[in-house]
C-alpha atoms as a PDB file:
ATOM      1  CA  MET A   1      96.747 128.480  58.162  1.00  0.00           C
ATOM      2  CA  ASN A   2      95.350 126.781  61.013  1.00  0.00           C
ATOM      3  CA  GLU A   3      96.988 124.342  63.456  1.00  0.00           C
ATOM      4  CA  PHE A   4      95.380 121.671  61.253  1.00  0.00           C
ATOM      5  CA  HIS A   5      96.884 122.464  58.053  1.00  0.00           C
ATOM      6  CA  LEU A   6     100.273 123.564  59.701  1.00  0.00           C
ATOM      7  CA  ARG A   7     100.774 119.437  60.643  1.00  0.00           C
ATOM      8  CA  ILE A   8      99.827 118.659  57.159  1.00  0.00           C
ATOM      9  CA  ALA A   9     101.993 121.096  55.614  1.00  0.00           C
ATOM     10  CA  ALA A  10     104.943 119.514  57.897  1.00  0.00           C
ATOM     11  CA  GLY A  11     103.921 116.079  56.646  1.00  0.00           C
ATOM     12  CA  CYS A  12     103.957 117.164  53.181  1.00  0.00           C
ATOM     13  CA  GLY A  13     107.404 118.296  53.322  1.00  0.00           C
ATOM     14  CA  ALA A  14     109.034 115.943  50.904  1.00  0.00           C
ATOM     15  CA  GLY A  15     108.243 116.598  47.106  1.00  0.00           C
ATOM     16  CA  LEU A  16     107.087 119.694  47.704  1.00  0.00           C
ATOM     17  CA  THR A  17     108.786 122.745  46.309  1.00  0.00           C
ATOM     18  CA  THR A  18     108.698 126.154  47.380  1.00  0.00           C
ATOM     19  CA  ASP A  19     105.816 127.388  44.874  1.00  0.00           C
ATOM     20  CA  ASP A  20     103.787 124.378  45.895  1.00  0.00           C
ATOM     21  CA  THR A  21     103.783 125.305  49.299  1.00  0.00           C
ATOM     22  CA  GLN A  22     103.024 128.848  49.064  1.00  0.00           C
ATOM     23  CA  HIS A  23      99.515 127.264  47.463  1.00  0.00           C
ATOM     24  CA  LEU A  24      98.747 125.247  50.016  1.00  0.00           C
ATOM     25  CA  PRO A  25      96.115 127.687  51.445  1.00  0.00           C
ATOM     26  CA  LYS A  26      93.800 127.821  48.881  1.00  0.00           C
ATOM     27  CA  PHE A  27      94.302 123.519  48.173  1.00  0.00           C
ATOM     28  CA  PHE A  28      93.245 123.077  51.816  1.00  0.00           C
ATOM     29  CA  GLU A  29      90.284 125.436  51.447  1.00  0.00           C
ATOM     30  CA  ARG A  30      89.125 123.563  47.966  1.00  0.00           C
ATOM     31  CA  LEU A  31      89.964 120.306  49.934  1.00  0.00           C
ATOM     32  CA  ALA A  32      87.967 121.041  52.431  1.00  0.00           C
ATOM     33  CA  ALA A  33      85.285 122.241  50.322  1.00  0.00           C
ATOM     34  CA  LEU A  34      84.907 118.546  48.930  1.00  0.00           C
ATOM     35  CA  ASN A  35      85.458 116.833  52.028  1.00  0.00           C
ATOM     36  CA  GLU A  36      81.874 118.929  53.449  1.00  0.00           C
ATOM     37  CA  CYS A  37      80.521 117.998  50.258  1.00  0.00           C
ATOM     38  CA  ALA A  38      81.400 114.309  50.542  1.00  0.00           C
ATOM     39  CA  ASN A  39      79.801 114.151  54.125  1.00  0.00           C
ATOM     40  CA  GLU A  40      76.905 115.748  53.357  1.00  0.00           C
ATOM     41  CA  CYS A  41      76.023 113.536  50.266  1.00  0.00           C
ATOM     42  CA  ASN A  42      77.184 110.457  52.332  1.00  0.00           C
ATOM     43  CA  THR A  43      79.750 109.206  49.788  1.00  0.00           C
ATOM     44  CA  SER A  44      83.378 109.265  49.871  1.00  0.00           C
ATOM     45  CA  MET A  45      86.030 110.918  48.309  1.00  0.00           C
ATOM     46  CA  LEU A  46      89.686 108.967  46.950  1.00  0.00           C
ATOM     47  CA  ILE A  47      92.525 110.880  47.179  1.00  0.00           C
ATOM     48  CA  ASP A  48      95.695 109.372  45.089  1.00  0.00           C
ATOM     49  CA  ALA A  49      99.039 111.000  43.748  1.00  0.00           C
ATOM     50  CA  GLU A  50      99.777 110.000  40.056  1.00  0.00           C
ATOM     51  CA  GLN A  51     103.098 111.884  40.393  1.00  0.00           C
ATOM     52  CA  THR A  52     105.608 109.813  42.662  1.00  0.00           C
ATOM     53  CA  TYR A  53     107.552 112.488  43.904  1.00  0.00           C
ATOM     54  CA  MET A  54     104.282 113.938  45.208  1.00  0.00           C
ATOM     55  CA  GLN A  55     103.802 110.435  46.997  1.00  0.00           C
ATOM     56  CA  ALA A  56     104.819 111.267  50.825  1.00  0.00           C
ATOM     57  CA  ALA A  57     102.900 114.644  50.257  1.00  0.00           C
ATOM     58  CA  ILE A  58      99.816 113.525  49.372  1.00  0.00           C
ATOM     59  CA  ASP A  59     100.121 110.425  51.848  1.00  0.00           C
ATOM     60  CA  SER A  60     100.162 112.386  54.668  1.00  0.00           C
ATOM     61  CA  LEU A  61      97.698 114.980  53.625  1.00  0.00           C
ATOM     62  CA  ALA A  62      95.492 111.787  53.157  1.00  0.00           C
ATOM     63  CA  MET A  63      96.142 110.494  56.503  1.00  0.00           C
ATOM     64  CA  GLN A  64      95.588 113.821  58.208  1.00  0.00           C
ATOM     65  CA  TYR A  65      91.872 113.775  56.361  1.00  0.00           C
ATOM     66  CA  CYS A  66      91.469 110.223  57.304  1.00  0.00           C
ATOM     67  CA  ARG A  67      91.601 111.397  60.949  1.00  0.00           C
ATOM     68  CA  GLN A  68      89.567 114.439  60.927  1.00  0.00           C
ATOM     69  CA  TYR A  69      86.483 113.011  58.422  1.00  0.00           C
ATOM     70  CA  ASN A  70      86.258 109.147  58.962  1.00  0.00           C
ATOM     71  CA  VAL A  71      84.682 109.203  62.591  1.00  0.00           C
ATOM     72  CA  GLY A  72      82.553 106.174  63.749  1.00  0.00           C
ATOM     73  CA  ASN A  73      81.526 104.196  60.780  1.00  0.00           C
ATOM     74  CA  LYS A  74      81.631 106.924  58.459  1.00  0.00           C
ATOM     75  CA  GLN A  75      84.733 106.614  55.598  1.00  0.00           C
ATOM     76  CA  ILE A  76      84.584 109.747  53.826  1.00  0.00           C
ATOM     77  CA  VAL A  77      88.647 110.191  52.973  1.00  0.00           C
ATOM     78  CA  LEU A  78      89.965 107.304  50.977  1.00  0.00           C
ATOM     79  CA  ASN A  79      93.460 106.767  49.728  1.00  0.00           C
ATOM     80  CA  THR A  80      95.471 104.077  48.233  1.00  0.00           C
ATOM     81  CA  PHE A  81      98.270 103.853  50.745  1.00  0.00           C
END
Protein backbone atom coordinates (compact mmCIF):
# COMPACT_ATOMS: atom_id res chain seq x y z
CA MET A 1 0.00 0.00 0.00
CA ASN A 2 1.19 3.52 -0.73
CA GLU A 3 1.15 6.47 1.71
CA PHE A 4 -2.34 7.52 0.62
CA HIS A 5 -3.68 4.04 1.40
CA LEU A 6 -1.87 3.94 4.74
CA ARG A 7 -3.53 7.24 5.77
CA ILE A 8 -6.93 5.83 4.85
CA ALA A 9 -6.26 2.55 6.63
CA ALA A 10 -5.23 4.44 9.77
CA GLY A 11 -8.53 6.29 9.74
CA CYS A 12 -10.43 3.13 8.92
CA GLY A 13 -9.49 1.29 12.09
CA ALA A 14 -12.88 1.68 13.75
CA GLY A 15 -15.27 -1.05 12.76
CA LEU A 16 -12.88 -3.13 10.67
CA THR A 17 -11.78 -6.62 11.60
CA THR A 18 -8.32 -8.05 10.90
CA ASP A 19 -9.86 -9.95 8.01
CA ASP A 20 -11.35 -6.71 6.64
CA THR A 21 -7.99 -4.94 6.72
CA GLN A 22 -6.35 -7.79 4.82
CA HIS A 23 -8.71 -7.06 1.92
CA LEU A 24 -7.94 -3.32 1.85
CA PRO A 25 -5.23 -3.38 -0.87
CA LYS A 26 -7.57 -5.03 -3.41
CA PHE A 27 -10.42 -2.78 -2.28
CA PHE A 28 -8.29 0.34 -2.84
CA GLU A 29 -7.31 -0.94 -6.29
CA ARG A 30 -10.95 -1.46 -7.27
CA LEU A 31 -12.11 1.83 -5.82
CA ALA A 32 -9.34 3.72 -7.64
CA ALA A 33 -10.48 2.14 -10.91
CA LEU A 34 -14.06 3.27 -10.22
CA ASN A 35 -12.87 6.79 -9.36
CA GLU A 36 -10.82 7.00 -12.55
CA CYS A 37 -13.78 5.78 -14.61
CA ALA A 38 -16.11 8.35 -13.00
CA ASN A 39 -13.52 11.07 -13.68
CA GLU A 40 -13.11 10.05 -17.34
CA CYS A 41 -16.91 9.88 -17.80
CA ASN A 42 -17.34 13.27 -16.10
CA THR A 43 -19.77 11.84 -13.56
CA SER A 44 -19.86 11.41 -9.79
CA MET A 45 -19.88 8.37 -7.57
CA LEU A 46 -21.52 8.10 -4.16
CA ILE A 47 -19.82 6.24 -1.31
CA ASP A 48 -22.17 5.10 1.47
CA ALA A 49 -22.16 2.51 4.25
CA GLU A 50 -25.28 0.58 5.10
CA GLN A 51 -23.64 -1.26 8.00
CA THR A 52 -23.37 1.14 10.93
CA TYR A 53 -20.39 -0.73 12.41
CA MET A 54 -18.36 0.29 9.33
CA GLN A 55 -19.59 3.89 9.09
CA ALA A 56 -16.45 5.44 10.62
CA ALA A 57 -14.24 3.50 8.21
CA ILE A 58 -16.34 4.42 5.17
CA ASP A 59 -16.46 8.10 6.19
CA SER A 60 -12.67 8.20 6.57
CA LEU A 61 -12.18 6.51 3.23
CA ALA A 62 -14.64 8.83 1.47
CA MET A 63 -13.03 11.95 2.95
CA GLN A 64 -9.57 10.91 1.74
CA TYR A 65 -10.89 10.17 -1.75
CA CYS A 66 -12.79 13.49 -1.81
CA ARG A 67 -9.51 15.27 -1.10
CA GLN A 68 -7.75 13.40 -3.88
CA TYR A 69 -10.37 13.48 -6.65
CA ASN A 70 -12.52 16.56 -5.97
CA VAL A 71 -10.31 19.29 -7.41
CA GLY A 72 -11.37 22.61 -8.86
CA ASN A 73 -15.05 22.55 -9.76
CA LYS A 74 -15.13 18.77 -10.23
CA GLN A 75 -17.06 16.79 -7.64
CA ILE A 76 -16.27 13.15 -8.43
CA VAL A 77 -16.57 11.53 -5.00
CA LEU A 78 -19.68 12.12 -2.90
CA ASN A 79 -20.60 10.79 0.53
CA THR A 80 -23.67 10.91 2.77
CA PHE A 81 -21.60 11.81 5.91
